[in-house]
Amino acid sequence: MSGAAIITVLSGLVLLLAVLRAAQVLRQERESGSGARRGTEPGSGDSIIESHYSSGVSGGQSMTYRISRDPQTYAKLFIPKDRKK
Protein backbone atom coordinates (compact mmCIF):
# COMPACT_ATOMS: atom_id res chain seq x y z
CA MET A 1 0.00 0.00 0.00
CA SER A 2 1.19 3.48 -0.77
CA GLY A 3 1.59 6.24 1.80
CA ALA A 4 -1.54 8.05 0.62
CA ALA A 5 -3.62 4.89 0.97
CA ILE A 6 -2.40 4.32 4.53
CA ILE A 7 -3.23 7.90 5.47
CA THR A 8 -6.69 7.53 3.93
CA VAL A 9 -7.38 4.31 5.84
CA LEU A 10 -6.15 5.77 9.13
CA SER A 11 -8.19 8.95 8.61
CA GLY A 12 -11.26 6.82 7.97
CA LEU A 13 -10.64 4.85 11.17
CA VAL A 14 -10.28 8.03 13.22
CA LEU A 15 -13.51 9.39 11.73
CA LEU A 16 -15.30 6.10 12.44
CA LEU A 17 -14.10 6.12 16.06
CA ALA A 18 -15.28 9.72 16.51
CA VAL A 19 -18.74 8.87 15.14
CA LEU A 20 -19.02 5.76 17.32
CA ARG A 21 -17.96 7.71 20.42
CA ALA A 22 -20.52 10.45 19.70
CA ALA A 23 -23.24 7.81 19.30
CA GLN A 24 -22.20 6.24 22.61
CA VAL A 25 -22.42 9.58 24.43
CA LEU A 26 -25.84 10.34 22.96
CA ARG A 27 -27.16 6.89 23.89
CA GLN A 28 -25.79 7.16 27.44
CA GLU A 29 -27.38 10.59 27.96
CA ARG A 30 -30.71 9.38 26.61
CA GLU A 31 -30.73 6.26 28.83
CA SER A 32 -29.75 8.07 32.02
CA GLY A 33 -32.54 10.62 31.60
CA SER A 34 -32.67 14.04 33.22
CA GLY A 35 -31.97 12.62 36.70
CA ALA A 36 -28.26 12.21 36.00
CA ARG A 37 -27.47 15.84 35.21
CA ARG A 38 -24.07 17.28 35.98
CA GLY A 39 -23.43 19.98 38.54
CA THR A 40 -25.23 20.78 41.77
CA GLU A 41 -28.84 21.65 42.36
CA PRO A 42 -29.55 25.34 43.05
CA GLY A 43 -30.22 26.19 46.67
CA SER A 44 -28.88 28.05 49.65
CA GLY A 45 -25.41 27.79 51.09
CA ASP A 46 -22.10 27.16 49.38
CA SER A 47 -20.30 24.30 47.68
CA ILE A 48 -16.77 23.97 49.04
CA ILE A 49 -13.96 22.86 46.74
CA GLU A 50 -10.55 22.03 48.19
CA SER A 51 -7.46 21.98 45.99
CA HIS A 52 -4.13 20.59 47.15
CA TYR A 53 -1.00 21.05 45.06
CA SER A 54 2.41 19.62 45.89
CA SER A 55 5.48 20.65 43.95
CA GLY A 56 7.91 18.16 45.41
CA VAL A 57 10.54 19.05 47.99
CA SER A 58 9.85 22.78 47.90
CA GLY A 59 6.31 22.30 49.19
CA GLY A 60 3.07 23.28 47.61
CA GLN A 61 -0.14 25.01 48.44
CA SER A 62 -3.72 24.31 49.44
CA MET A 63 -6.67 26.41 48.39
CA THR A 64 -10.31 26.35 49.44
CA TYR A 65 -12.97 27.82 47.18
CA ARG A 66 -16.52 28.64 48.25
CA ILE A 67 -19.00 28.67 45.38
CA SER A 68 -22.51 29.92 46.06
CA ARG A 69 -25.32 27.51 45.17
CA ASP A 70 -27.67 30.47 44.59
CA PRO A 71 -27.71 31.15 40.82
CA GLN A 72 -28.15 34.93 41.22
CA THR A 73 -25.26 35.26 43.66
CA TYR A 74 -23.09 33.07 41.43
CA ALA A 75 -23.92 35.16 38.35
CA LYS A 76 -22.92 38.37 40.16
CA LEU A 77 -19.34 37.05 40.38
CA PHE A 78 -18.99 37.55 36.63
CA ILE A 79 -20.07 41.20 36.58
CA PRO A 80 -17.07 43.57 36.44
CA LYS A 81 -16.58 45.59 39.64
CA ASP A 82 -16.39 48.90 37.75
CA ARG A 83 -19.69 48.37 35.92
CA LYS A 84 -22.18 51.20 36.47
CA LYS A 85 -25.55 50.21 37.87
C-alpha atoms as a PDB file:
ATOM      1  CA  MET A   1       0.000   0.000   0.000  1.00  0.00           C
ATOM      2  CA  SER A   2       1.192   3.478  -0.770  1.00  0.00           C
ATOM      3  CA  GLY A   3       1.587   6.235   1.801  1.00  0.00           C
ATOM      4  CA  ALA A   4      -1.537   8.046   0.617  1.00  0.00           C
ATOM      5  CA  ALA A   5      -3.624   4.888   0.973  1.00  0.00           C
ATOM      6  CA  ILE A   6      -2.398   4.319   4.528  1.00  0.00           C
ATOM      7  CA  ILE A   7      -3.235   7.905   5.471  1.00  0.00           C
ATOM      8  CA  THR A   8      -6.695   7.534   3.927  1.00  0.00           C
ATOM      9  CA  VAL A   9      -7.383   4.309   5.839  1.00  0.00           C
ATOM     10  CA  LEU A  10      -6.145   5.770   9.133  1.00  0.00           C
ATOM     11  CA  SER A  11      -8.187   8.947   8.611  1.00  0.00           C
ATOM     12  CA  GLY A  12     -11.259   6.816   7.970  1.00  0.00           C
ATOM     13  CA  LEU A  13     -10.643   4.849  11.170  1.00  0.00           C
ATOM     14  CA  VAL A  14     -10.283   8.035  13.216  1.00  0.00           C
ATOM     15  CA  LEU A  15     -13.506   9.389  11.735  1.00  0.00           C
ATOM     16  CA  LEU A  16     -15.296   6.095  12.442  1.00  0.00           C
ATOM     17  CA  LEU A  17     -14.100   6.122  16.064  1.00  0.00           C
ATOM     18  CA  ALA A  18     -15.283   9.716  16.509  1.00  0.00           C
ATOM     19  CA  VAL A  19     -18.739   8.875  15.138  1.00  0.00           C
ATOM     20  CA  LEU A  20     -19.019   5.757  17.324  1.00  0.00           C
ATOM     21  CA  ARG A  21     -17.963   7.714  20.422  1.00  0.00           C
ATOM     22  CA  ALA A  22     -20.520  10.448  19.695  1.00  0.00           C
ATOM     23  CA  ALA A  23     -23.238   7.807  19.299  1.00  0.00           C
ATOM     24  CA  GLN A  24     -22.196   6.237  22.613  1.00  0.00           C
ATOM     25  CA  VAL A  25     -22.422   9.582  24.427  1.00  0.00           C
ATOM     26  CA  LEU A  26     -25.844  10.339  22.960  1.00  0.00           C
ATOM     27  CA  ARG A  27     -27.158   6.892  23.891  1.00  0.00           C
ATOM     28  CA  GLN A  28     -25.793   7.161  27.438  1.00  0.00           C
ATOM     29  CA  GLU A  29     -27.379  10.587  27.961  1.00  0.00           C
ATOM     30  CA  ARG A  30     -30.714   9.375  26.606  1.00  0.00           C
ATOM     31  CA  GLU A  31     -30.727   6.258  28.827  1.00  0.00           C
ATOM     32  CA  SER A  32     -29.747   8.071  32.022  1.00  0.00           C
ATOM     33  CA  GLY A  33     -32.540  10.624  31.599  1.00  0.00           C
ATOM     34  CA  SER A  34     -32.665  14.035  33.217  1.00  0.00           C
ATOM     35  CA  GLY A  35     -31.974  12.621  36.699  1.00  0.00           C
ATOM     36  CA  ALA A  36     -28.263  12.212  35.996  1.00  0.00           C
ATOM     37  CA  ARG A  37     -27.465  15.838  35.214  1.00  0.00           C
ATOM     38  CA  ARG A  38     -24.065  17.276  35.984  1.00  0.00           C
ATOM     39  CA  GLY A  39     -23.431  19.984  38.543  1.00  0.00           C
ATOM     40  CA  THR A  40     -25.226  20.783  41.772  1.00  0.00           C
ATOM     41  CA  GLU A  41     -28.837  21.652  42.360  1.00  0.00           C
ATOM     42  CA  PRO A  42     -29.551  25.339  43.047  1.00  0.00           C
ATOM     43  CA  GLY A  43     -30.224  26.187  46.669  1.00  0.00           C
ATOM     44  CA  SER A  44     -28.877  28.047  49.648  1.00  0.00           C
ATOM     45  CA  GLY A  45     -25.407  27.793  51.087  1.00  0.00           C
ATOM     46  CA  ASP A  46     -22.101  27.164  49.384  1.00  0.00           C
ATOM     47  CA  SER A  47     -20.304  24.305  47.682  1.00  0.00           C
ATOM     48  CA  ILE A  48     -16.773  23.968  49.041  1.00  0.00           C
ATOM     49  CA  ILE A  49     -13.958  22.863  46.738  1.00  0.00           C
ATOM     50  CA  GLU A  50     -10.546  22.025  48.193  1.00  0.00           C
ATOM     51  CA  SER A  51      -7.461  21.981  45.989  1.00  0.00           C
ATOM     52  CA  HIS A  52      -4.126  20.588  47.145  1.00  0.00           C
ATOM     53  CA  TYR A  53      -0.996  21.053  45.060  1.00  0.00           C
ATOM     54  CA  SER A  54       2.406  19.617  45.891  1.00  0.00           C
ATOM     55  CA  SER A  55       5.481  20.646  43.949  1.00  0.00           C
ATOM     56  CA  GLY A  56       7.905  18.159  45.406  1.00  0.00           C
ATOM     57  CA  VAL A  57      10.539  19.054  47.989  1.00  0.00           C
ATOM     58  CA  SER A  58       9.845  22.780  47.900  1.00  0.00           C
ATOM     59  CA  GLY A  59       6.309  22.296  49.185  1.00  0.00           C
ATOM     60  CA  GLY A  60       3.069  23.279  47.608  1.00  0.00           C
ATOM     61  CA  GLN A  61      -0.144  25.007  48.441  1.00  0.00           C
ATOM     62  CA  SER A  62      -3.716  24.312  49.439  1.00  0.00           C
ATOM     63  CA  MET A  63      -6.675  26.414  48.395  1.00  0.00           C
ATOM     64  CA  THR A  64     -10.311  26.345  49.436  1.00  0.00           C
ATOM     65  CA  TYR A  65     -12.974  27.825  47.175  1.00  0.00           C
ATOM     66  CA  ARG A  66     -16.517  28.638  48.251  1.00  0.00           C
ATOM     67  CA  ILE A  67     -19.001  28.671  45.378  1.00  0.00           C
ATOM     68  CA  SER A  68     -22.512  29.919  46.057  1.00  0.00           C
ATOM     69  CA  ARG A  69     -25.322  27.514  45.167  1.00  0.00           C
ATOM     70  CA  ASP A  70     -27.675  30.469  44.595  1.00  0.00           C
ATOM     71  CA  PRO A  71     -27.714  31.153  40.817  1.00  0.00           C
ATOM     72  CA  GLN A  72     -28.154  34.927  41.218  1.00  0.00           C
ATOM     73  CA  THR A  73     -25.256  35.260  43.659  1.00  0.00           C
ATOM     74  CA  TYR A  74     -23.094  33.067  41.429  1.00  0.00           C
ATOM     75  CA  ALA A  75     -23.922  35.164  38.346  1.00  0.00           C
ATOM     76  CA  LYS A  76     -22.918  38.366  40.162  1.00  0.00           C
ATOM     77  CA  LEU A  77     -19.344  37.048  40.382  1.00  0.00           C
ATOM     78  CA  PHE A  78     -18.990  37.547  36.627  1.00  0.00           C
ATOM     79  CA  ILE A  79     -20.071  41.202  36.580  1.00  0.00           C
ATOM     80  CA  PRO A  80     -17.072  43.566  36.441  1.00  0.00           C
ATOM     81  CA  LYS A  81     -16.585  45.592  39.639  1.00  0.00           C
ATOM     82  CA  ASP A  82     -16.386  48.902  37.755  1.00  0.00           C
ATOM     83  CA  ARG A  83     -19.694  48.374  35.919  1.00  0.00           C
ATOM     84  CA  LYS A  84     -22.179  51.201  36.471  1.00  0.00           C
ATOM     85  CA  LYS A  85     -25.549  50.210  37.872  1.00  0.00           C
END
